[in-house]
Protein backbone atom coordinates (compact mmCIF):
# COMPACT_ATOMS: atom_id res chain seq x y z
CA MET A 1 -36.79 -111.23 -1.22
CA SER A 2 -39.51 -111.17 -3.88
CA LYS A 3 -42.42 -113.62 -3.83
CA LYS A 4 -41.04 -115.26 -6.98
CA VAL A 5 -37.66 -115.89 -5.33
CA GLU A 6 -39.35 -117.06 -2.13
CA TYR A 7 -41.39 -119.56 -4.18
CA LEU A 8 -38.22 -120.78 -5.93
CA VAL A 9 -36.46 -121.24 -2.60
CA GLY A 10 -39.29 -123.46 -1.39
CA LYS A 11 -39.09 -125.59 -4.53
CA MET A 12 -35.32 -125.91 -4.28
CA VAL A 13 -35.37 -126.88 -0.60
CA SER A 14 -38.03 -129.53 -1.21
CA LYS A 15 -36.36 -130.75 -4.41
CA PRO A 16 -32.61 -130.03 -4.14
CA TYR A 17 -31.86 -131.39 -7.60
CA ILE A 18 -33.38 -128.16 -9.00
CA ILE A 19 -30.45 -126.24 -7.49
CA GLU A 20 -27.99 -128.03 -9.76
CA MET A 21 -30.00 -127.53 -12.94
CA GLY A 22 -28.97 -124.84 -15.42
CA ALA A 23 -30.20 -121.38 -14.55
CA GLY A 24 -31.68 -121.00 -18.03
CA LYS A 25 -33.76 -124.16 -17.71
CA VAL A 26 -35.00 -123.24 -14.22
CA SER A 27 -35.90 -119.73 -15.37
CA ARG A 28 -37.98 -121.18 -18.22
CA TRP A 29 -39.67 -123.70 -15.94
CA PHE A 30 -40.73 -121.14 -13.38
CA ASP A 31 -41.05 -118.08 -15.64
CA CYS A 32 -38.46 -115.98 -13.83
CA SER A 33 -35.12 -114.33 -14.54
CA ARG A 34 -31.74 -116.04 -14.19
CA VAL A 35 -30.85 -113.50 -11.54
CA ASP A 36 -33.87 -114.72 -9.53
CA VAL A 37 -32.58 -118.28 -9.89
CA ILE A 38 -29.13 -117.37 -8.54
CA GLU A 39 -30.64 -115.48 -5.59
CA ALA A 40 -32.91 -118.43 -4.81
CA ARG A 41 -29.98 -120.86 -5.05
CA MET A 42 -28.00 -118.90 -2.48
CA LYS A 43 -30.87 -118.90 -0.01
CA ALA A 44 -31.78 -122.56 -0.60
CA ARG A 45 -28.18 -123.68 -0.16
CA SER A 46 -27.95 -121.72 3.08
CA ILE A 47 -31.07 -123.46 4.41
CA LEU A 48 -29.94 -126.93 3.31
CA ALA A 49 -26.44 -126.38 4.71
CA GLN A 50 -27.94 -125.50 8.08
CA HIS A 51 -30.09 -128.64 7.97
CA GLU A 52 -26.96 -130.68 7.34
CA VAL A 53 -25.18 -129.07 10.28
CA ASP A 54 -28.20 -129.84 12.46
CA ASP A 55 -28.15 -133.48 11.32
CA ASP A 56 -24.39 -133.81 11.79
CA HIS A 57 -23.88 -131.41 14.67
CA HIS A 58 -20.76 -133.29 15.81
CA VAL A 59 -18.98 -132.38 12.57
CA LYS A 60 -16.89 -129.20 12.71
CA VAL A 61 -17.78 -127.11 9.68
CA PRO A 62 -14.73 -125.17 8.44
CA ASN A 63 -15.00 -121.47 7.66
CA ILE A 64 -14.83 -121.31 3.86
CA LEU A 65 -14.42 -117.81 2.43
CA LEU A 66 -14.83 -116.86 -1.23
CA PHE A 67 -13.29 -113.53 -2.14
CA ASP A 68 -12.17 -111.29 -4.99
CA ILE A 69 -10.36 -107.96 -5.22
CA GLU A 70 -10.18 -105.15 -7.76
CA THR A 71 -7.01 -103.11 -8.07
CA ALA A 72 -6.01 -99.82 -9.64
CA PRO A 73 -3.79 -100.07 -12.74
CA ILE A 74 -0.15 -99.00 -12.81
CA ALA A 75 0.15 -95.61 -14.54
CA SER A 76 3.43 -94.98 -16.37
CA TYR A 77 5.19 -93.03 -19.13
CA THR A 78 5.99 -95.05 -22.27
CA TRP A 79 7.27 -94.37 -25.80
CA GLY A 80 5.02 -96.89 -27.49
CA LEU A 81 2.06 -99.28 -27.22
CA TRP A 82 3.67 -102.67 -27.89
CA LYS A 83 6.20 -104.64 -25.81
CA GLN A 84 7.30 -101.77 -23.63
CA ASN A 85 9.89 -102.26 -20.90
CA VAL A 86 8.76 -99.91 -18.14
CA SER A 87 11.40 -98.97 -15.58
CA LEU A 88 10.65 -97.93 -12.01
CA ASP A 89 11.47 -94.31 -12.90
CA GLN A 90 8.69 -94.32 -15.53
CA ILE A 91 5.96 -95.23 -13.02
CA ILE A 92 3.65 -92.35 -12.21
CA SER A 93 1.31 -94.23 -9.90
CA ASN A 94 1.64 -97.78 -8.60
CA TRP A 95 -1.24 -100.19 -8.19
CA PHE A 96 -3.29 -100.42 -4.98
CA MET A 97 -6.55 -102.04 -3.94
CA LEU A 98 -9.80 -100.34 -4.93
CA THR A 99 -12.39 -102.78 -3.56
CA TRP A 100 -12.77 -106.24 -2.14
CA SER A 101 -15.79 -108.49 -1.89
CA ALA A 102 -16.30 -111.76 -0.02
CA LYS A 103 -18.91 -114.22 1.24
CA TRP A 104 -18.92 -117.29 3.41
CA LEU A 105 -19.82 -120.42 1.47
CA TYR A 106 -23.63 -120.91 1.36
CA SER A 107 -24.26 -117.56 3.04
CA VAL A 108 -26.73 -115.16 1.42
CA ASP A 109 -24.75 -112.14 2.62
CA VAL A 110 -22.06 -110.60 0.41
CA MET A 111 -19.56 -108.44 2.28
CA SER A 112 -17.47 -105.71 0.69
CA ASP A 113 -15.39 -102.61 1.25
CA LYS A 114 -14.13 -99.88 -1.04
CA ILE A 115 -11.66 -97.05 -0.97
CA THR A 116 -12.90 -93.46 -0.57
CA PRO A 117 -12.18 -90.59 -2.99
CA GLU A 118 -9.86 -89.08 -0.38
CA GLU A 119 -7.98 -92.37 -0.03
CA VAL A 120 -7.69 -92.63 -3.83
CA ALA A 121 -5.97 -89.25 -3.92
CA GLU A 122 -3.44 -90.52 -1.38
CA GLU A 123 -3.28 -94.03 -2.93
CA ASN A 124 -4.01 -95.23 0.59
CA ASP A 125 -5.79 -98.57 0.77
CA LYS A 126 -4.68 -99.34 4.34
CA ARG A 127 -8.21 -99.30 5.78
CA ILE A 128 -9.74 -101.76 3.32
CA VAL A 129 -6.67 -104.02 3.41
CA GLU A 130 -7.08 -104.24 7.18
CA SER A 131 -10.81 -105.03 6.92
CA LEU A 132 -10.10 -107.85 4.45
CA LEU A 133 -7.31 -109.26 6.62
CA ARG A 134 -9.76 -109.51 9.52
CA LEU A 135 -11.95 -111.78 7.38
CA LEU A 136 -9.04 -113.85 6.12
CA ASP A 137 -7.94 -114.30 9.72
CA LYS A 138 -11.24 -116.09 10.43
CA ALA A 139 -11.07 -118.36 7.37
CA ASP A 140 -9.94 -121.99 7.38
CA ILE A 141 -10.17 -122.25 3.59
CA VAL A 142 -10.06 -119.46 1.01
CA ILE A 143 -11.48 -119.76 -2.52
CA ALA A 144 -10.67 -117.38 -5.36
CA HIS A 145 -10.35 -117.48 -9.14
CA ASN A 146 -6.63 -117.12 -9.89
CA GLY A 147 -6.24 -116.48 -6.18
CA ILE A 148 -2.89 -118.25 -5.86
CA SER A 149 -1.21 -116.14 -8.54
CA PHE A 150 -3.12 -112.88 -8.08
CA ASP A 151 -5.63 -112.13 -5.31
CA VAL A 152 -3.83 -113.69 -2.34
CA VAL A 153 -0.35 -112.46 -3.22
CA LYS A 154 -1.68 -108.98 -4.02
CA VAL A 155 -3.37 -108.79 -0.63
CA ASN A 156 -0.15 -110.01 1.00
CA ALA A 157 1.82 -107.31 -0.83
CA ARG A 158 -0.45 -104.54 0.44
CA ALA A 159 -0.57 -106.05 3.94
CA ILE A 160 3.20 -106.03 4.37
CA ARG A 161 3.33 -102.56 2.77
CA TRP A 162 1.22 -101.24 5.64
CA GLY A 163 3.04 -103.23 8.31
CA PHE A 164 0.31 -105.76 9.06
CA ASN A 165 1.12 -109.24 10.32
CA PRO A 166 -0.06 -112.22 8.25
CA PRO A 167 -3.50 -113.65 9.05
CA SER A 168 -3.95 -117.04 10.66
CA PRO A 169 -2.96 -119.89 8.29
CA TYR A 170 -5.57 -120.97 5.77
CA GLN A 171 -5.66 -123.37 2.85
CA GLN A 172 -6.46 -122.27 -0.70
CA VAL A 173 -8.70 -123.56 -3.47
CA ASP A 174 -8.15 -121.90 -6.85
CA THR A 175 -11.00 -122.41 -9.34
CA LEU A 176 -8.76 -121.33 -12.22
CA GLN A 177 -6.32 -124.14 -11.45
CA ILE A 178 -9.14 -126.69 -11.24
CA ALA A 179 -10.47 -125.57 -14.63
CA ARG A 180 -7.01 -125.74 -16.22
CA LYS A 181 -6.08 -129.15 -14.80
CA GLN A 182 -9.36 -131.01 -15.24
CA PHE A 183 -10.95 -129.59 -18.38
CA GLY A 184 -10.31 -128.27 -21.86
CA PHE A 185 -12.58 -125.23 -21.93
CA SER A 186 -12.07 -122.68 -24.69
CA SER A 187 -11.38 -120.14 -21.97
CA ASN A 188 -10.83 -120.53 -18.24
CA LYS A 189 -11.88 -116.98 -17.40
CA LEU A 190 -14.58 -116.71 -14.75
CA GLU A 191 -17.01 -115.14 -17.21
CA ALA A 192 -16.41 -117.92 -19.76
CA LEU A 193 -17.02 -120.63 -17.16
CA ALA A 194 -20.20 -118.85 -16.07
CA ARG A 195 -21.47 -119.02 -19.65
CA VAL A 196 -20.70 -122.74 -19.87
CA PHE A 197 -22.69 -123.36 -16.68
CA GLU A 198 -25.54 -121.00 -17.65
CA ILE A 199 -24.80 -118.69 -14.74
CA PRO A 200 -25.63 -115.00 -15.17
CA GLY A 201 -22.13 -113.69 -15.88
CA LYS A 202 -19.97 -110.83 -14.76
CA LEU A 203 -21.38 -107.32 -15.00
CA GLY A 204 -20.27 -105.41 -18.07
CA THR A 205 -17.42 -102.95 -17.58
CA GLU A 206 -15.15 -100.71 -19.62
CA PHE A 207 -11.74 -99.29 -18.76
CA LYS A 208 -13.35 -95.92 -18.11
CA LEU A 209 -14.73 -97.44 -14.89
CA TRP A 210 -11.13 -97.80 -13.68
CA THR A 211 -10.18 -94.31 -14.86
CA GLY A 212 -13.21 -92.95 -13.02
CA CYS A 213 -12.07 -94.72 -9.85
CA MET A 214 -8.56 -93.32 -10.28
CA LYS A 215 -10.05 -89.82 -10.44
CA GLY A 216 -11.84 -90.47 -7.14
CA ASN A 217 -15.30 -90.41 -8.70
CA GLN A 218 -17.73 -91.76 -6.08
CA GLU A 219 -20.18 -93.14 -8.65
CA SER A 220 -17.36 -95.11 -10.31
CA LEU A 221 -16.21 -96.47 -6.96
CA ASP A 222 -19.77 -97.55 -6.13
CA LYS A 223 -20.09 -99.31 -9.50
CA MET A 224 -16.74 -101.02 -8.98
CA GLU A 225 -17.95 -102.35 -5.64
CA GLU A 226 -21.14 -103.74 -7.21
CA TYR A 227 -19.10 -105.30 -10.02
CA ASN A 228 -16.83 -106.89 -7.42
CA LYS A 229 -19.74 -108.20 -5.31
CA HIS A 230 -21.37 -109.80 -8.34
CA ASP A 231 -18.09 -111.54 -9.19
CA VAL A 232 -18.11 -113.30 -5.81
CA VAL A 233 -21.65 -114.59 -6.37
CA VAL A 234 -20.58 -115.94 -9.77
CA LEU A 235 -17.44 -117.41 -8.19
CA GLU A 236 -19.49 -119.43 -5.71
CA GLU A 237 -21.68 -120.85 -8.47
CA VAL A 238 -18.66 -121.79 -10.58
CA TYR A 239 -16.85 -123.31 -7.61
CA LEU A 240 -19.78 -125.54 -6.71
CA LYS A 241 -19.95 -126.78 -10.30
CA LEU A 242 -16.23 -127.58 -10.38
CA ARG A 243 -15.94 -128.99 -6.85
CA PRO A 244 -16.89 -132.65 -7.54
CA TRP A 245 -14.14 -132.77 -10.21
CA ALA A 246 -11.44 -131.14 -8.10
CA LYS A 247 -8.58 -133.57 -7.52
CA GLY A 248 -6.50 -132.71 -4.50
CA HIS A 249 -9.23 -130.49 -3.05
CA VAL A 250 -8.62 -129.40 0.52
CA ASN A 251 -9.71 -132.41 2.59
CA LEU A 252 -12.71 -131.30 4.63
CA GLY A 253 -12.61 -134.65 6.43
CA LEU A 254 -9.71 -133.26 8.46
CA TYR A 255 -12.12 -130.81 10.10
CA GLY A 256 -14.31 -133.58 11.55
CA ASP A 257 -13.77 -135.53 14.75
CA GLY A 258 -12.90 -138.74 12.94
CA ASN A 259 -15.95 -140.65 14.15
CA LYS A 260 -17.74 -140.48 10.81
CA MET A 261 -16.66 -140.64 7.20
CA ILE A 262 -16.90 -137.23 5.52
CA CYS A 263 -16.72 -136.30 1.86
CA PRO A 264 -13.28 -134.68 1.40
CA ASN A 265 -14.66 -132.18 -1.15
CA CYS A 266 -17.87 -130.90 0.46
CA GLY A 267 -17.80 -132.13 4.06
CA SER A 268 -21.07 -134.06 3.92
CA SER A 269 -21.45 -137.36 5.77
CA HIS A 270 -24.11 -138.53 3.30
CA LEU A 271 -21.86 -141.02 1.52
CA HIS A 272 -22.60 -144.44 0.10
CA GLU A 273 -20.29 -147.27 -0.90
CA ASP A 274 -20.74 -147.62 -4.65
CA GLY A 275 -19.21 -151.10 -5.06
CA ASN A 276 -16.28 -149.86 -7.14
CA TYR A 277 -12.57 -149.73 -6.38
CA TYR A 278 -9.69 -147.35 -6.87
CA TYR A 279 -6.50 -149.17 -7.82
CA THR A 280 -2.86 -148.22 -7.29
CA PRO A 281 0.17 -150.37 -8.24
CA ALA A 282 0.04 -152.06 -4.82
CA GLY A 283 -3.36 -151.31 -3.36
CA ARG A 284 -7.11 -151.59 -3.82
CA TYR A 285 -9.40 -149.08 -2.13
CA LYS A 286 -13.17 -148.94 -1.78
CA THR A 287 -14.77 -145.88 -3.35
CA TYR A 288 -17.64 -143.80 -1.99
CA SER A 289 -20.02 -141.44 -3.77
CA CYS A 290 -21.35 -138.25 -2.23
CA LYS A 291 -24.54 -136.40 -3.01
CA CYS A 292 -22.38 -133.47 -4.17
CA GLY A 293 -21.12 -135.68 -7.01
CA ALA A 294 -17.57 -136.21 -5.73
CA VAL A 295 -16.07 -139.69 -5.52
CA SER A 296 -13.62 -140.50 -2.72
CA ARG A 297 -11.75 -143.58 -1.59
CA SER A 298 -10.89 -145.26 1.68
CA ARG A 299 -7.50 -144.46 3.18
CA ASN A 300 -6.56 -148.10 3.79
CA SER A 301 -6.22 -150.78 1.12
CA ASP A 302 -8.39 -153.87 1.53
CA VAL A 303 -5.71 -156.14 0.02
CA LYS A 304 -4.93 -158.74 2.67
CA PRO A 305 -1.32 -159.29 3.82
CA ASP A 306 -1.18 -162.81 2.34
CA GLU A 307 -2.40 -161.41 -0.99
CA ARG A 308 0.01 -158.50 -0.94
CA LYS A 309 3.12 -160.70 -0.98
CA ASN A 310 2.09 -162.11 -4.36
CA ILE A 311 1.48 -158.73 -6.00
CA LEU A 312 4.23 -157.77 -8.43
CA ILE A 313 5.03 -154.20 -9.43
CA SER A 314 6.41 -153.49 -12.90
CA VAL A 315 9.90 -152.01 -13.17
CA ALA A 316 10.79 -149.62 -15.99
CA ARG A 317 13.96 -150.49 -17.92
């Protein structure tokens, strides 16, 4: 860690609001690069998260894993470039996993694995599929961008291909689905969201990186791994920006012991009653604000039984 990043970490730990500021603004304030800001954020969040665990040691902290995979393309014979219907007999080489990258939420360590040139030649990703499954087996919650429709099902496909059993059950949070449901961004791609939030975006790539990997070029495989690792860092930043807005987020309160109210989105017990209410057709619930920005409500309505009998509910005709 450079002295500049170390200085930034100190500032962020002492003044946590700096963590949530745009990377561009922080870089101008402290005369550093945006990459330095992201590195400092990761370390500061790790320190603050540990402080929170120390303060609320009775709260079980779930294992939250962010991950991303890169796959080889399907190679096939075609008679054109537009709207081709490729049959199974036209496939030369099917897709398989090239690399994966993952990190535990708030951790500064990014884990990864990649296929070897020899494994590329055999289209054999068994080893790296197994190493990723070991991580997924430890996770309570898994976060990915388009994970529900791509990353998770792709991993499952390769796992069953090699005869592996499914990992222990985990719940999923998909940042792509949050972006689509809650916002009207021009694009919901990870890179586009990173630009909106002033996060140093995905590393630049061209298709020749994939063709290099398919040829078993070690340099290309190394670059693919770095590209993949950077994506996970960006994913964490984007997830933390979206998290307060995520309706139906996995309820982290279920991982506590029930003796203390916990923010369902981030798991913090630092909540305060904000004096507002959430209304349903037959109920009124107190709302609570968390330092992460999320707003939650009580599970039980505070409408008294004698009041409830006089509440009418409209009927559609």
